[in-house]
C-alpha atoms as a PDB file:
ATOM      1  CA  MET A   1      27.512   9.693 -24.328  1.00  0.00           C
ATOM      2  CA  LYS A   2      23.454   9.098 -24.590  1.00  0.00           C
ATOM      3  CA  MET A   3      21.295   9.515 -21.860  1.00  0.00           C
ATOM      4  CA  LEU A   4      17.859   7.262 -22.071  1.00  0.00           C
ATOM      5  CA  THR A   5      14.832   8.136 -21.043  1.00  0.00           C
ATOM      6  CA  LEU A   6      13.284   7.245 -17.175  1.00  0.00           C
ATOM      7  CA  LEU A   7       9.478   6.423 -17.336  1.00  0.00           C
ATOM      8  CA  VAL A   8       7.133   5.718 -14.561  1.00  0.00           C
ATOM      9  CA  PHE A   9       5.357   2.751 -14.057  1.00  0.00           C
ATOM     10  CA  VAL A  10       2.643   2.563 -11.734  1.00  0.00           C
ATOM     11  CA  LYS A  11      -0.832   0.101 -12.018  1.00  0.00           C
ATOM     12  CA  VAL A  12      -3.588   2.226 -10.018  1.00  0.00           C
ATOM     13  CA  ARG A  13      -7.139   1.859 -10.215  1.00  0.00           C
ATOM     14  CA  PHE A  14      -9.816   4.444 -10.269  1.00  0.00           C
ATOM     15  CA  LEU A  15      -7.194   7.037 -11.162  1.00  0.00           C
ATOM     16  CA  SER A  16      -6.237   9.000 -14.496  1.00  0.00           C
ATOM     17  CA  LEU A  17      -2.264   8.764 -14.100  1.00  0.00           C
ATOM     18  CA  GLN A  18      -1.174  10.315 -17.122  1.00  0.00           C
ATOM     19  CA  ARG A  19      -4.019  13.158 -17.386  1.00  0.00           C
ATOM     20  CA  ASP A  20      -4.566  14.284 -14.081  1.00  0.00           C
ATOM     21  CA  SER A  21      -1.829  12.919 -11.820  1.00  0.00           C
ATOM     22  CA  ASN A  22       1.417  14.704 -10.717  1.00  0.00           C
ATOM     23  CA  PHE A  23       5.149  13.306 -11.512  1.00  0.00           C
ATOM     24  CA  CYS A  24       8.037  15.293 -10.094  1.00  0.00           C
ATOM     25  CA  TRP A  25      11.284  13.902 -10.463  1.00  0.00           C
ATOM     26  CA  PHE A  26      14.177  14.683  -7.921  1.00  0.00           C
ATOM     27  CA  VAL A  27      18.213  13.360  -7.776  1.00  0.00           C
ATOM     28  CA  SER A  28      20.355  12.852  -5.368  1.00  0.00           C
ATOM     29  CA  GLN A  29      22.366  15.871  -4.025  1.00  0.00           C
ATOM     30  CA  GLU A  30      25.391  13.158  -3.343  1.00  0.00           C
ATOM     31  CA  SER A  31      27.027  11.356  -6.098  1.00  0.00           C
ATOM     32  CA  TYR A  32      28.016   7.923  -5.881  1.00  0.00           C
ATOM     33  CA  PRO A  33      30.034   7.781  -9.316  1.00  0.00           C
ATOM     34  CA  ASP A  34      32.799   4.813  -8.572  1.00  0.00           C
ATOM     35  CA  VAL A  35      31.017   3.028  -5.313  1.00  0.00           C
ATOM     36  CA  GLU A  36      30.402  -0.620  -5.967  1.00  0.00           C
ATOM     37  CA  PRO A  37      26.557  -1.899  -6.676  1.00  0.00           C
ATOM     38  CA  THR A  38      27.079  -4.144  -3.319  1.00  0.00           C
ATOM     39  CA  GLU A  39      28.412  -0.898  -1.358  1.00  0.00           C
ATOM     40  CA  LEU A  40      25.281   1.508  -2.820  1.00  0.00           C
ATOM     41  CA  LYS A  41      22.523  -1.217  -1.059  1.00  0.00           C
ATOM     42  CA  LYS A  42      24.014  -0.715   2.080  1.00  0.00           C
ATOM     43  CA  LEU A  43      23.423   2.510   1.950  1.00  0.00           C
ATOM     44  CA  ASN A  44      20.324   4.238   3.568  1.00  0.00           C
ATOM     45  CA  ARG A  45      18.434   6.365   0.937  1.00  0.00           C
ATOM     46  CA  ARG A  46      16.079   7.433   3.225  1.00  0.00           C
ATOM     47  CA  ASP A  47      18.588  10.336   4.578  1.00  0.00           C
ATOM     48  CA  LEU A  48      19.753  11.593   1.214  1.00  0.00           C
ATOM     49  CA  THR A  49      19.070  15.383   0.036  1.00  0.00           C
ATOM     50  CA  TRP A  50      17.116  15.775  -3.131  1.00  0.00           C
ATOM     51  CA  LEU A  51      17.312  17.855  -6.107  1.00  0.00           C
ATOM     52  CA  SER A  52      14.131  18.956  -7.914  1.00  0.00           C
ATOM     53  CA  ARG A  53      14.845  17.978 -11.740  1.00  0.00           C
ATOM     54  CA  SER A  54      11.770  17.353 -13.658  1.00  0.00           C
ATOM     55  CA  GLU A  55       8.190  17.312 -13.797  1.00  0.00           C
ATOM     56  CA  GLY A  56       5.847  14.740 -15.850  1.00  0.00           C
ATOM     57  CA  PRO A  57       5.683  11.106 -16.415  1.00  0.00           C
ATOM     58  CA  SER A  58       9.201  11.077 -18.292  1.00  0.00           C
ATOM     59  CA  PHE A  59      12.616  12.357 -17.163  1.00  0.00           C
ATOM     60  CA  ILE A  60      15.435  12.327 -18.950  1.00  0.00           C
ATOM     61  CA  PRO A  61      18.838  12.746 -17.347  1.00  0.00           C
ATOM     62  CA  SER A  62      21.709  14.927 -17.979  1.00  0.00           C
ATOM     63  CA  SER A  63      25.402  14.022 -17.732  1.00  0.00           C
ATOM     64  CA  SER A  64      26.039  15.968 -14.346  1.00  0.00           C
ATOM     65  CA  ASP A  65      23.511  13.262 -13.109  1.00  0.00           C
ATOM     66  CA  LEU A  66      25.435  10.308 -13.517  1.00  0.00           C
ATOM     67  CA  GLY A  67      26.260   8.543 -10.020  1.00  0.00           C
ATOM     68  CA  ARG A  68      22.981  10.039  -8.543  1.00  0.00           C
ATOM     69  CA  PHE A  69      19.943   8.154  -6.942  1.00  0.00           C
ATOM     70  CA  VAL A  70      16.579   9.310  -9.000  1.00  0.00           C
ATOM     71  CA  ARG A  71      12.971   9.811  -6.945  1.00  0.00           C
ATOM     72  CA  VAL A  72      10.467   9.884  -8.212  1.00  0.00           C
ATOM     73  CA  THR A  73       6.858  11.456  -6.646  1.00  0.00           C
ATOM     74  CA  CYS A  74       3.469  10.851  -7.697  1.00  0.00           C
ATOM     75  CA  THR A  75       0.269  13.261  -6.359  1.00  0.00           C
ATOM     76  CA  PRO A  76      -2.522  11.001  -7.645  1.00  0.00           C
ATOM     77  CA  ARG A  77      -5.876  13.136  -9.497  1.00  0.00           C
ATOM     78  CA  LEU A  78      -8.898  12.756 -10.411  1.00  0.00           C
ATOM     79  CA  GLY A  79     -10.154  15.738 -11.284  1.00  0.00           C
ATOM     80  CA  ALA A  80     -10.952  17.711  -8.144  1.00  0.00           C
ATOM     81  CA  ARG A  81     -10.172  14.994  -5.961  1.00  0.00           C
ATOM     82  CA  GLU A  82      -6.273  14.365  -4.840  1.00  0.00           C
ATOM     83  CA  GLY A  83      -4.816  11.542  -3.286  1.00  0.00           C
ATOM     84  CA  GLU A  84      -1.786  11.404  -0.806  1.00  0.00           C
ATOM     85  CA  ALA A  85       1.525  11.312  -2.541  1.00  0.00           C
ATOM     86  CA  PHE A  86       3.978   8.255  -3.089  1.00  0.00           C
ATOM     87  CA  TYR A  87       7.264   8.060  -3.953  1.00  0.00           C
ATOM     88  CA  ALA A  88       9.816   5.461  -5.261  1.00  0.00           C
ATOM     89  CA  VAL A  89      13.457   5.460  -5.070  1.00  0.00           C
ATOM     90  CA  SER A  90      15.564   3.782  -7.901  1.00  0.00           C
ATOM     91  CA  GLY A  91      17.776   0.932  -6.156  1.00  0.00           C
ATOM     92  CA  CYS A  92      20.867   2.393  -8.090  1.00  0.00           C
ATOM     93  CA  VAL A  93      22.511   5.354  -9.482  1.00  0.00           C
ATOM     94  CA  ILE A  94      22.213   6.642 -13.139  1.00  0.00           C
ATOM     95  CA  SER A  95      25.193   5.321 -15.030  1.00  0.00           C
ATOM     96  CA  ALA A  96      25.520   6.518 -19.016  1.00  0.00           C
ATOM     97  CA  GLY A  97      23.720   4.728 -21.633  1.00  0.00           C
ATOM     98  CA  PRO A  98      24.841   2.291 -24.482  1.00  0.00           C
ATOM     99  CA  GLY A  99      25.696   4.925 -27.270  1.00  0.00           C
ATOM    100  CA  PRO A 100      24.208   4.414 -30.026  1.00  0.00           C
ATOM    101  CA  CYS A 101      21.819   1.709 -30.640  1.00  0.00           C
ATOM    102  CA  PRO A 102      21.982  -0.971 -33.415  1.00  0.00           C
ATOM    103  CA  PHE A 103      18.409  -0.009 -34.714  1.00  0.00           C
ATOM    104  CA  GLU A 104      19.926   3.756 -35.170  1.00  0.00           C
ATOM    105  CA  GLU A 105      22.527   2.476 -37.467  1.00  0.00           C
ATOM    106  CA  ARG A 106      20.438   0.423 -39.665  1.00  0.00           C
ATOM    107  CA  GLN A 107      18.046   3.087 -40.184  1.00  0.00           C
ATOM    108  CA  ALA A 108      20.757   5.326 -41.288  1.00  0.00           C
ATOM    109  CA  PHE A 109      20.614   3.218 -44.122  1.00  0.00           C
ATOM    110  CA  THR A 110      16.896   4.220 -44.943  1.00  0.00           C
ATOM    111  CA  LYS A 111      16.649   7.844 -44.006  1.00  0.00           C
ATOM    112  CA  GLU A 112      14.501   8.356 -46.492  1.00  0.00           C
ATOM    113  CA  PRO A 113      11.045   6.165 -47.284  1.00  0.00           C
ATOM    114  CA  LEU A 114      11.673   3.261 -49.599  1.00  0.00           C
ATOM    115  CA  HIS A 115       9.348   3.237 -52.473  1.00  0.00           C
ATOM    116  CA  SER A 116      10.336  -0.047 -54.352  1.00  0.00           C
ATOM    117  CA  LYS A 117      11.130  -3.193 -52.951  1.00  0.00           C
ATOM    118  CA  LYS A 118      14.303  -2.977 -55.306  1.00  0.00           C
ATOM    119  CA  GLU A 119      15.379  -0.269 -53.062  1.00  0.00           C
ATOM    120  CA  LEU A 120      14.516  -2.259 -49.870  1.00  0.00           C
ATOM    121  CA  ARG A 121      16.671  -5.105 -51.153  1.00  0.00           C
ATOM    122  CA  SER A 122      19.758  -2.678 -51.815  1.00  0.00           C
ATOM    123  CA  ALA A 123      19.289  -1.423 -48.297  1.00  0.00           C
ATOM    124  CA  LEU A 124      19.174  -4.729 -46.765  1.00  0.00           C
ATOM    125  CA  ALA A 125      22.153  -5.646 -48.622  1.00  0.00           C
ATOM    126  CA  ALA A 126      24.472  -2.865 -47.872  1.00  0.00           C
ATOM    127  CA  ASN A 127      23.508  -3.395 -44.145  1.00  0.00           C
ATOM    128  CA  CYS A 128      24.311  -6.868 -43.807  1.00  0.00           C
ATOM    129  CA  ASN A 129      27.754  -5.802 -45.908  1.00  0.00           C
ATOM    130  CA  ASN A 130      28.658  -3.927 -42.701  1.00  0.00           C
ATOM    131  CA  THR A 131      27.782  -6.039 -39.808  1.00  0.00           C
END
Protein backbone atom coordinates (compact mmCIF):
# COMPACT_ATOMS: atom_id res chain seq x y z
CA MET A 1 0.00 0.00 0.00
CA LYS A 2 1.34 3.41 -0.96
CA MET A 3 0.34 6.64 0.79
CA LEU A 4 0.48 9.84 -1.22
CA THR A 5 1.78 13.14 0.15
CA LEU A 6 -0.76 15.83 0.98
CA LEU A 7 0.23 19.41 0.17
CA VAL A 8 -1.30 22.76 1.04
CA PHE A 9 -2.41 25.05 -1.79
CA VAL A 10 -3.35 28.51 -0.52
CA LYS A 11 -3.54 31.77 -2.44
CA VAL A 12 -2.43 34.70 -0.27
CA ARG A 13 -1.08 38.19 -0.65
CA PHE A 14 1.69 39.86 1.30
CA LEU A 15 2.78 36.64 3.04
CA SER A 16 5.56 34.12 2.91
CA LEU A 17 3.71 30.86 3.54
CA GLN A 18 6.58 28.48 2.85
CA ARG A 19 9.28 30.33 4.78
CA ASP A 20 7.61 31.92 7.80
CA SER A 21 4.11 30.48 8.20
CA ASN A 22 3.29 27.52 10.43
CA PHE A 23 1.26 24.51 9.22
CA CYS A 24 -0.12 21.90 11.61
CA TRP A 25 -1.74 18.68 10.36
CA PHE A 26 -4.37 16.72 12.28
CA VAL A 27 -6.43 13.59 11.68
CA SER A 28 -9.80 12.86 13.22
CA GLN A 29 -9.81 10.57 16.22
CA GLU A 30 -12.91 8.93 14.79
CA SER A 31 -12.40 6.57 11.88
CA TYR A 32 -14.93 5.91 9.08
CA PRO A 33 -13.34 3.21 6.90
CA ASP A 34 -16.51 1.58 5.56
CA VAL A 35 -18.93 4.53 5.40
CA GLU A 36 -20.35 5.57 2.02
CA PRO A 37 -19.20 8.99 0.69
CA THR A 38 -22.80 10.26 0.64
CA GLU A 39 -23.09 9.50 4.37
CA LEU A 40 -19.76 11.19 5.10
CA LYS A 41 -21.03 14.44 3.54
CA LYS A 42 -23.87 14.51 6.06
CA LEU A 43 -21.42 14.27 8.96
CA ASN A 44 -20.74 17.46 10.94
CA ARG A 45 -16.94 17.61 10.75
CA ARG A 46 -16.76 20.53 13.22
CA ASP A 47 -17.66 18.17 16.09
CA LEU A 48 -14.76 15.78 15.45
CA THR A 49 -11.89 15.33 17.89
CA TRP A 50 -8.49 15.99 16.30
CA LEU A 51 -5.14 14.27 16.86
CA SER A 52 -1.94 16.14 15.97
CA ARG A 53 0.14 14.34 13.32
CA SER A 54 2.69 16.62 11.69
CA GLU A 55 3.99 20.16 11.13
CA GLY A 56 5.15 21.70 7.89
CA PRO A 57 3.71 22.37 4.42
CA SER A 58 3.24 18.65 3.61
CA PHE A 59 1.92 15.54 5.33
CA ILE A 60 2.30 11.85 4.50
CA PRO A 61 -0.47 9.81 6.12
CA SER A 62 0.29 6.41 7.63
CA SER A 63 -1.79 3.26 7.39
CA SER A 64 -3.27 4.03 10.83
CA ASP A 65 -4.78 7.22 9.33
CA LEU A 66 -6.96 5.35 6.80
CA GLY A 67 -10.64 6.23 7.14
CA ARG A 68 -9.97 9.48 9.00
CA PHE A 69 -10.57 13.10 8.02
CA VAL A 70 -7.63 15.50 7.68
CA ARG A 71 -7.44 19.03 9.05
CA VAL A 72 -4.66 21.52 8.32
CA THR A 73 -4.24 24.71 10.33
CA CYS A 74 -2.16 27.62 9.04
CA THR A 75 -0.83 30.49 11.12
CA PRO A 76 0.34 33.08 8.57
CA ARG A 77 3.52 34.98 9.42
CA LEU A 78 5.66 37.60 7.77
CA GLY A 79 8.78 38.30 9.73
CA ALA A 80 7.73 39.24 13.28
CA ARG A 81 4.09 39.82 12.29
CA GLU A 82 1.58 37.02 12.83
CA GLY A 83 -1.94 36.74 11.45
CA GLU A 84 -5.01 34.91 12.66
CA ALA A 85 -4.86 31.14 12.24
CA PHE A 86 -7.27 29.52 9.77
CA TYR A 87 -7.98 25.90 8.93
CA ALA A 88 -9.51 23.60 6.35
CA VAL A 89 -11.00 20.12 6.76
CA SER A 90 -10.98 17.49 4.03
CA GLY A 91 -14.25 16.62 2.33
CA CYS A 92 -13.46 12.91 2.34
CA VAL A 93 -11.47 10.47 4.45
CA ILE A 94 -7.96 9.21 3.77
CA SER A 95 -7.92 6.18 1.51
CA ALA A 96 -5.11 3.94 0.28
CA GLY A 97 -3.04 5.13 -2.65
CA PRO A 98 -2.97 3.41 -6.05
CA GLY A 99 0.10 1.26 -5.43
CA PRO A 100 3.02 1.45 -7.87
CA CYS A 101 2.47 4.09 -10.54
CA PRO A 102 3.19 3.33 -14.22
CA PHE A 103 6.11 5.75 -14.34
CA GLU A 104 7.79 3.88 -11.46
CA GLU A 105 7.59 0.64 -13.41
CA ARG A 106 9.01 2.33 -16.53
CA GLN A 107 11.91 3.78 -14.56
CA ALA A 108 12.87 0.30 -13.36
CA PHE A 109 14.33 -0.25 -16.85
CA THR A 110 16.51 2.86 -16.64
CA LYS A 111 17.83 2.99 -13.08
CA GLU A 112 21.26 4.06 -14.32
CA PRO A 113 21.76 7.05 -16.65
CA LEU A 114 21.77 6.11 -20.32
CA HIS A 115 24.82 7.18 -22.28
CA SER A 116 23.81 6.45 -25.85
CA LYS A 117 20.77 6.48 -28.12
CA LYS A 118 21.16 2.72 -28.60
CA GLU A 119 20.72 2.12 -24.85
CA LEU A 120 17.66 4.38 -24.84
CA ARG A 121 16.06 2.51 -27.76
CA SER A 122 16.74 -0.83 -26.03
CA ALA A 123 15.13 0.38 -22.80
CA LEU A 124 12.09 1.73 -24.63
CA ALA A 125 11.70 -1.49 -26.63
CA ALA A 126 11.91 -3.57 -23.45
CA ASN A 127 9.23 -1.40 -21.86
CA CYS A 128 6.94 -1.60 -24.92
CA ASN A 129 7.24 -5.39 -25.06
CA ASN A 130 6.09 -5.71 -21.43
CA THR A 131 2.91 -3.66 -21.86
